[in-house]
Amino acid sequence: MTNLNNNASISARNTFPLDNTVQESTESDYRSGTSEPKSGEGNALTQEEKLVGKTLKKNVQLTAEELAAVNTKKGLLQLLLTKNVNVKKALVKLRYEQELEKLQIELVKLQRSIQIEGRRVGIIFEGRDAAGKGGSIRRFIEHLNPRSARVVALPKPTDLQKGQWYFQRYVEQLPNPGEIVFFDRSWYNRAVVEPVMGFCNEKQYRIFMQQVPEFEHMLYEDNLELVKFWFSISKDVQAERFESRRDDPLKQWKISPVDDKAQENWDLYTKYKNEMFSKTHTSYSPWIIVKANDKKKARLESMRYVLSALEFEGKESAGISLTPDPNIVGRYYRSRKTVD
């Protein structure tokens, strides 16, 4: 379980005030039991109170009785008292949840515009193992219409697919008109993971590196909108996340033989990563680097980048800033500092 006391604060530039019903309840009020939520009636929870409950459920270990109690206002206040929760730190988490919700509202607007206009959008999530790609994708799609948004995470190729043109199985997954496709890893497996792990030979690698800029230029000419993210994490953070996966029974499915080699082959991954950037970063299909040691910031800023880069109706009246933090996300260039 995450410790609320260890949560990093969200940048003030990207936060907005919590509603008064949340802000007016101070830590001392909760501990004395004198603060009672001012909005709503009976045990019906307001939106702000639901966010409090969501935060606590994710970050505090609860018994079945406590979990039942937290669904009432009185139970929520009692929980804050008995669990010794640092309310100020909890509010940091709440600000993240509220900011996330605001960005997700704008993503719904973006999806609606893409559907109406029949556009095709592909968003690639690449990065080292445990960089937070899957978690970010889950936040992206949480409230999108599943009829026109899907995630592509292909397994290893079959014997038949091994004999096909390398890009063929990915072409089959490209977005249809009115659709957004999120690639949890992509054809760029051949640029980094496959040569590092010995899953392709030198000739296959060389042909891929020659063809991928041409392939993406064809997509560009065909009006497919493509965003390519690289989630960048440090070696120490990767090691910590691997350990978390081993300790958490809900995350153990993420562990793979490739993970065991990731730390050992760190420098080799770096070599192929840099070669990939050098050969495949183009004006029509640039790489966007996301500093992902802080998962929450990486999620928010990658969302913000997509919303700033793609046009949609209602963008001018967005309820939150759509300008990404340049210290977290930005285009690749040789002198740009990354954490991996």
Protein backbone atom coordinates (compact mmCIF):
# COMPACT_ATOMS: atom_id res chain seq x y z
CA MET A 1 0.00 0.00 0.00
CA THR A 2 1.20 3.52 -0.74
CA ASN A 3 2.07 5.66 2.28
CA LEU A 4 0.29 9.00 2.12
CA ASN A 5 3.19 10.58 3.97
CA ASN A 6 5.50 9.78 1.05
CA ASN A 7 3.38 11.30 -1.70
CA ALA A 8 5.19 14.10 -3.54
CA SER A 9 3.32 17.37 -3.75
CA ILE A 10 1.72 18.28 -7.04
CA SER A 11 3.16 21.40 -8.63
CA ALA A 12 1.23 24.51 -7.68
CA ARG A 13 1.24 25.57 -11.32
CA ASN A 14 -0.95 22.65 -12.24
CA THR A 15 -3.28 22.54 -9.25
CA PHE A 16 -6.51 24.35 -8.63
CA PRO A 17 -8.34 25.03 -5.36
CA LEU A 18 -10.35 22.28 -3.79
CA ASP A 19 -14.00 23.08 -3.21
CA ASN A 20 -14.69 24.80 0.11
CA THR A 21 -16.37 21.70 1.52
CA VAL A 22 -13.00 19.96 1.35
CA GLN A 23 -10.65 22.86 2.10
CA GLU A 24 -12.50 24.06 5.20
CA SER A 25 -12.05 20.73 6.98
CA THR A 26 -8.65 21.04 8.66
CA GLU A 27 -6.61 18.33 10.28
CA SER A 28 -7.42 19.62 13.75
CA ASP A 29 -11.13 19.67 12.93
CA TYR A 30 -11.05 16.02 11.93
CA ARG A 31 -9.09 14.96 14.99
CA SER A 32 -11.42 16.80 17.36
CA GLY A 33 -14.47 15.46 15.57
CA THR A 34 -15.96 18.96 15.31
CA SER A 35 -15.92 19.26 11.51
CA GLU A 36 -18.99 18.02 9.68
CA PRO A 37 -19.34 18.25 5.88
CA LYS A 38 -21.53 21.22 4.98
CA SER A 39 -22.96 19.97 1.68
CA GLY A 40 -25.35 17.16 0.86
CA GLU A 41 -28.01 15.61 3.02
CA GLY A 42 -28.03 12.54 5.22
CA ASN A 43 -25.43 9.99 4.20
CA ALA A 44 -25.36 10.90 0.51
CA LEU A 45 -21.78 11.77 -0.47
CA THR A 46 -20.93 14.81 -2.54
CA GLN A 47 -18.42 14.58 -5.37
CA GLU A 48 -15.68 16.00 -3.14
CA GLU A 49 -16.45 13.49 -0.41
CA LYS A 50 -16.37 10.65 -2.91
CA LEU A 51 -12.87 11.77 -3.87
CA VAL A 52 -11.86 11.66 -0.20
CA GLY A 53 -13.21 8.12 0.08
CA LYS A 54 -11.46 7.09 -3.14
CA THR A 55 -8.17 8.45 -1.86
CA LEU A 56 -8.45 6.67 1.46
CA LYS A 57 -9.49 3.35 -0.06
CA LYS A 58 -6.41 3.41 -2.27
CA ASN A 59 -3.96 4.42 0.44
CA VAL A 60 -5.14 3.05 3.79
CA GLN A 61 -5.45 -0.60 4.77
CA LEU A 62 -9.04 -1.21 5.83
CA THR A 63 -10.94 -4.02 7.46
CA ALA A 64 -14.32 -5.03 6.02
CA GLU A 65 -16.09 -3.09 8.78
CA GLU A 66 -14.02 0.03 8.18
CA LEU A 67 -14.64 -0.19 4.45
CA ALA A 68 -18.39 -0.32 5.09
CA ALA A 69 -18.20 2.62 7.48
CA VAL A 70 -16.26 4.83 5.09
CA ASN A 71 -19.28 4.99 2.80
CA THR A 72 -21.03 7.32 5.23
CA LYS A 73 -19.99 10.85 6.23
CA LYS A 74 -19.69 9.96 9.89
CA GLY A 75 -17.69 6.86 9.06
CA LEU A 76 -15.39 8.87 6.85
CA LEU A 77 -14.66 11.36 9.63
CA GLN A 78 -14.15 8.57 12.16
CA LEU A 79 -11.74 6.83 9.81
CA LEU A 80 -9.61 9.96 9.55
CA LEU A 81 -9.50 10.05 13.34
CA THR A 82 -8.71 6.39 14.02
CA LYS A 83 -6.26 5.80 11.17
CA ASN A 84 -4.04 8.73 12.14
CA VAL A 85 -4.24 10.04 8.57
CA ASN A 86 -2.30 13.20 7.78
CA VAL A 87 -5.11 15.19 6.18
CA LYS A 88 -2.78 17.72 4.58
CA LYS A 89 -0.92 14.93 2.82
CA ALA A 90 -4.23 13.34 1.86
CA LEU A 91 -5.27 16.62 0.24
CA VAL A 92 -2.22 16.38 -2.03
CA LYS A 93 -3.62 13.08 -3.28
CA LEU A 94 -7.03 14.68 -3.60
CA ARG A 95 -5.64 17.47 -5.76
CA TYR A 96 -4.13 14.86 -8.04
CA GLU A 97 -7.46 13.03 -8.27
CA GLN A 98 -9.33 16.25 -9.01
CA GLU A 99 -6.82 17.37 -11.62
CA LEU A 100 -6.93 13.93 -13.21
CA GLU A 101 -10.71 14.11 -13.42
CA LYS A 102 -10.57 17.54 -15.10
CA LEU A 103 -8.15 16.25 -17.72
CA GLN A 104 -10.27 13.15 -18.28
CA ILE A 105 -13.25 15.39 -18.99
CA GLU A 106 -11.23 17.09 -21.73
CA LEU A 107 -10.22 13.66 -23.10
CA VAL A 108 -13.91 12.79 -23.44
CA LYS A 109 -14.38 16.00 -25.46
CA LEU A 110 -11.39 15.08 -27.62
CA GLN A 111 -12.78 11.62 -28.27
CA ARG A 112 -16.14 13.07 -29.26
CA SER A 113 -14.48 15.37 -31.82
CA ILE A 114 -12.46 12.47 -33.22
CA GLN A 115 -15.62 10.40 -33.58
CA ILE A 116 -17.63 13.15 -35.27
CA GLU A 117 -14.83 14.11 -37.65
CA GLY A 118 -13.82 10.53 -38.47
CA ARG A 119 -10.19 11.11 -37.49
CA ARG A 120 -7.72 8.34 -36.70
CA VAL A 121 -5.45 8.75 -33.68
CA GLY A 122 -2.71 6.43 -32.45
CA ILE A 123 -0.80 7.00 -29.19
CA ILE A 124 2.33 4.93 -28.58
CA PHE A 125 3.60 4.30 -25.05
CA GLU A 126 7.21 3.12 -24.99
CA GLY A 127 9.83 3.05 -22.26
CA ARG A 128 11.78 0.71 -20.07
CA ASP A 129 10.05 -1.98 -18.04
CA ALA A 130 8.14 -0.56 -15.03
CA ALA A 131 8.19 2.98 -16.47
CA GLY A 132 4.45 3.41 -15.83
CA LYS A 133 3.15 2.96 -19.38
CA GLY A 134 0.23 0.69 -18.49
CA GLY A 135 -0.88 2.80 -15.53
CA SER A 136 -0.92 5.92 -17.67
CA ILE A 137 -2.95 4.19 -20.37
CA ARG A 138 -5.51 3.09 -17.77
CA ARG A 139 -6.01 6.72 -16.70
CA PHE A 140 -6.32 7.82 -20.31
CA ILE A 141 -9.08 5.36 -21.16
CA GLU A 142 -10.90 5.25 -17.80
CA HIS A 143 -13.86 7.34 -18.96
CA LEU A 144 -13.59 7.03 -22.75
CA ASN A 145 -16.24 5.30 -24.84
CA PRO A 146 -14.90 1.74 -25.36
CA ARG A 147 -16.64 1.53 -28.74
CA SER A 148 -14.14 3.98 -30.22
CA ALA A 149 -11.10 3.62 -27.97
CA ARG A 150 -9.03 0.49 -27.45
CA VAL A 151 -5.69 -0.68 -26.10
CA VAL A 152 -3.30 -2.77 -28.19
CA ALA A 153 -0.78 -4.87 -26.24
CA LEU A 154 0.27 -7.63 -28.58
CA PRO A 155 1.79 -10.89 -27.31
CA LYS A 156 4.90 -12.37 -28.90
CA PRO A 157 4.39 -13.16 -32.62
CA THR A 158 3.15 -16.57 -33.75
CA ASP A 159 5.19 -18.72 -36.14
CA LEU A 160 3.00 -17.45 -38.99
CA GLN A 161 3.53 -13.82 -38.01
CA LYS A 162 7.29 -14.35 -37.79
CA GLY A 163 7.24 -15.09 -41.52
CA GLN A 164 5.28 -11.92 -42.36
CA TRP A 165 6.45 -8.37 -42.95
CA TYR A 166 7.32 -7.13 -39.47
CA PHE A 167 4.84 -4.24 -39.51
CA GLN A 168 1.95 -6.36 -40.76
CA ARG A 169 0.46 -7.34 -37.42
CA TYR A 170 0.64 -3.72 -36.26
CA VAL A 171 -0.99 -2.41 -39.44
CA GLU A 172 -3.96 -4.63 -38.60
CA GLN A 173 -4.31 -2.77 -35.28
CA LEU A 174 -4.14 0.80 -36.61
CA PRO A 175 -7.13 3.02 -35.71
CA ASN A 176 -10.25 3.04 -37.84
CA PRO A 177 -12.05 6.31 -38.66
CA GLY A 178 -13.35 7.89 -35.45
CA GLU A 179 -11.13 5.77 -33.23
CA ILE A 180 -8.26 6.25 -30.74
CA VAL A 181 -5.82 3.38 -30.27
CA PHE A 182 -3.39 3.23 -27.35
CA PHE A 183 -0.34 1.05 -28.07
CA ASP A 184 1.11 -0.46 -24.89
CA ARG A 185 4.42 -1.02 -26.64
CA SER A 186 4.42 -1.06 -30.41
CA TRP A 187 6.51 -1.82 -33.49
CA TYR A 188 9.36 -0.19 -31.56
CA ASN A 189 9.87 -3.50 -29.75
CA ARG A 190 12.28 -4.23 -32.58
CA ALA A 191 14.24 -1.04 -31.93
CA VAL A 192 15.16 -1.78 -28.30
CA VAL A 193 13.78 -4.88 -26.55
CA GLU A 194 14.31 -7.38 -29.36
CA PRO A 195 17.98 -6.63 -30.09
CA VAL A 196 18.82 -6.40 -26.37
CA MET A 197 17.15 -9.74 -25.61
CA GLY A 198 18.33 -11.45 -28.79
CA PHE A 199 14.80 -11.80 -30.21
CA CYS A 200 15.89 -10.54 -33.65
CA ASN A 201 19.12 -10.75 -35.66
CA GLU A 202 21.27 -7.90 -36.91
CA LYS A 203 19.77 -7.95 -40.41
CA GLN A 204 16.20 -7.79 -39.10
CA TYR A 205 17.14 -4.90 -36.83
CA ARG A 206 18.88 -2.98 -39.63
CA ILE A 207 15.94 -3.39 -42.03
CA PHE A 208 13.51 -2.21 -39.36
CA MET A 209 15.53 0.91 -38.63
CA GLN A 210 15.58 1.73 -42.34
CA GLN A 211 11.88 1.13 -42.85
CA VAL A 212 10.28 2.69 -39.76
CA PRO A 213 10.70 6.37 -40.81
CA GLU A 214 9.21 5.51 -44.21
CA PHE A 215 6.38 3.56 -42.59
CA GLU A 216 5.51 6.45 -40.28
CA HIS A 217 5.75 8.95 -43.15
CA MET A 218 3.11 6.90 -45.00
CA LEU A 219 0.88 7.10 -41.91
CA TYR A 220 1.47 10.86 -41.78
CA GLU A 221 0.60 11.28 -45.47
CA ASP A 222 -2.57 9.27 -44.90
CA ASN A 223 -3.62 11.74 -42.15
CA LEU A 224 -3.22 9.34 -39.23
CA GLU A 225 -2.40 11.40 -36.13
CA LEU A 226 0.41 9.67 -34.22
CA VAL A 227 1.86 10.56 -30.81
CA LYS A 228 4.99 8.70 -29.64
CA PHE A 229 5.75 8.78 -25.90
CA TRP A 230 8.94 7.52 -24.25
CA PHE A 231 8.49 7.16 -20.47
CA SER A 232 11.89 7.76 -18.90
CA ILE A 233 12.82 6.42 -15.44
CA SER A 234 16.06 6.04 -13.49
CA LYS A 235 17.72 2.70 -12.77
CA ASP A 236 17.06 3.03 -9.02
CA VAL A 237 13.37 3.74 -9.53
CA GLN A 238 13.05 0.77 -11.87
CA ALA A 239 14.63 -1.48 -9.24
CA GLU A 240 12.21 -0.18 -6.59
CA ARG A 241 9.21 -0.84 -8.83
CA PHE A 242 10.39 -4.37 -9.62
CA GLU A 243 10.62 -5.03 -5.88
CA SER A 244 7.12 -3.64 -5.40
CA ARG A 245 5.81 -6.02 -8.05
CA ARG A 246 7.35 -8.98 -6.26
CA ASP A 247 5.86 -7.95 -2.90
CA ASP A 248 2.37 -7.01 -4.10
CA PRO A 249 0.18 -10.03 -5.01
CA LEU A 250 -1.96 -7.76 -7.22
CA LYS A 251 1.07 -6.79 -9.31
CA GLN A 252 2.87 -10.12 -9.60
CA TRP A 253 1.31 -10.79 -13.00
CA LYS A 254 3.49 -7.97 -14.32
CA ILE A 255 6.70 -9.85 -13.56
CA SER A 256 8.33 -11.40 -16.64
CA PRO A 257 11.70 -12.93 -17.58
CA VAL A 258 12.48 -9.69 -19.41
CA ASP A 259 12.25 -7.83 -16.07
CA ASP A 260 15.01 -9.98 -14.63
CA LYS A 261 17.36 -8.85 -17.41
CA ALA A 262 16.34 -5.17 -17.44
CA GLN A 263 18.70 -4.07 -14.68
CA GLU A 264 21.53 -6.27 -15.87
CA ASN A 265 21.22 -4.93 -19.43
CA TRP A 266 20.60 -1.29 -18.46
CA ASP A 267 23.51 0.13 -20.48
CA LEU A 268 22.67 -1.98 -23.52
CA TYR A 269 19.09 -0.71 -23.41
CA THR A 270 20.49 2.82 -23.24
CA LYS A 271 22.62 2.23 -26.34
CA TYR A 272 19.68 0.98 -28.45
CA LYS A 273 17.34 3.63 -27.05
CA ASN A 274 19.69 6.41 -28.14
CA GLU A 275 20.09 4.83 -31.57
CA MET A 276 16.30 4.65 -31.90
CA PHE A 277 15.91 8.34 -31.08
CA SER A 278 18.67 9.25 -33.51
CA LYS A 279 17.14 7.34 -36.44
CA THR A 280 13.38 7.64 -35.83
CA HIS A 281 12.81 11.13 -34.38
CA THR A 282 11.44 13.15 -37.31
CA SER A 283 9.56 16.39 -37.86
CA TYR A 284 6.42 14.49 -38.88
CA SER A 285 6.71 11.83 -36.14
CA PRO A 286 8.68 13.20 -33.15
CA TRP A 287 9.48 11.42 -29.92
CA ILE A 288 7.98 12.97 -26.78
CA ILE A 289 10.00 12.29 -23.63
CA VAL A 290 8.10 11.97 -20.34
CA LYS A 291 10.10 12.03 -17.10
CA ALA A 292 8.29 9.29 -15.23
CA ASN A 293 10.04 8.83 -11.88
CA ASP A 294 6.91 10.49 -10.45
CA LYS A 295 4.04 8.42 -11.84
CA LYS A 296 1.33 10.92 -11.03
CA LYS A 297 3.08 13.81 -12.76
CA ALA A 298 3.86 11.60 -15.76
CA ARG A 299 0.18 10.67 -16.10
CA LEU A 300 -1.08 14.23 -15.82
CA GLU A 301 1.52 15.78 -18.12
CA SER A 302 1.24 13.12 -20.83
CA MET A 303 -2.52 13.70 -20.85
CA ARG A 304 -1.93 17.43 -21.01
CA TYR A 305 0.46 16.98 -23.95
CA VAL A 306 -2.09 14.99 -25.97
CA LEU A 307 -4.80 17.55 -25.25
CA SER A 308 -2.50 20.40 -26.26
CA ALA A 309 -1.25 18.67 -29.44
CA LEU A 310 -4.60 17.50 -30.86
CA GLU A 311 -7.44 19.80 -31.85
CA PHE A 312 -10.96 19.33 -30.50
CA GLU A 313 -14.15 21.31 -30.03
CA GLY A 314 -14.25 23.16 -26.72
CA LYS A 315 -10.48 23.24 -26.31
CA GLU A 316 -10.46 27.03 -25.81
CA SER A 317 -12.87 26.76 -22.88
CA ALA A 318 -11.15 23.85 -21.11
CA GLY A 319 -11.67 23.78 -17.35
CA ILE A 320 -7.96 23.26 -16.70
CA SER A 321 -4.62 24.32 -18.17
CA LEU A 322 -3.67 22.22 -21.18
CA THR A 323 -0.10 23.50 -21.34
CA PRO A 324 2.27 20.66 -20.38
CA ASP A 325 5.06 21.23 -17.88
CA PRO A 326 8.30 21.48 -19.93
CA ASN A 327 10.24 20.10 -16.98
CA ILE A 328 8.27 16.84 -17.27
CA VAL A 329 7.36 16.39 -20.93
CA GLY A 330 8.80 17.65 -24.21
CA ARG A 331 10.18 16.77 -27.64
CA TYR A 332 13.38 14.78 -27.88
CA TYR A 333 16.58 16.55 -28.80
CA ARG A 334 20.16 15.40 -28.35
CA SER A 335 21.05 17.74 -25.51
CA ARG A 336 17.82 17.14 -23.60
CA LYS A 337 18.48 15.59 -20.20
CA THR A 338 16.63 12.36 -19.46
CA VAL A 339 16.64 10.26 -16.31
CA ASP A 340 17.43 6.98 -18.08
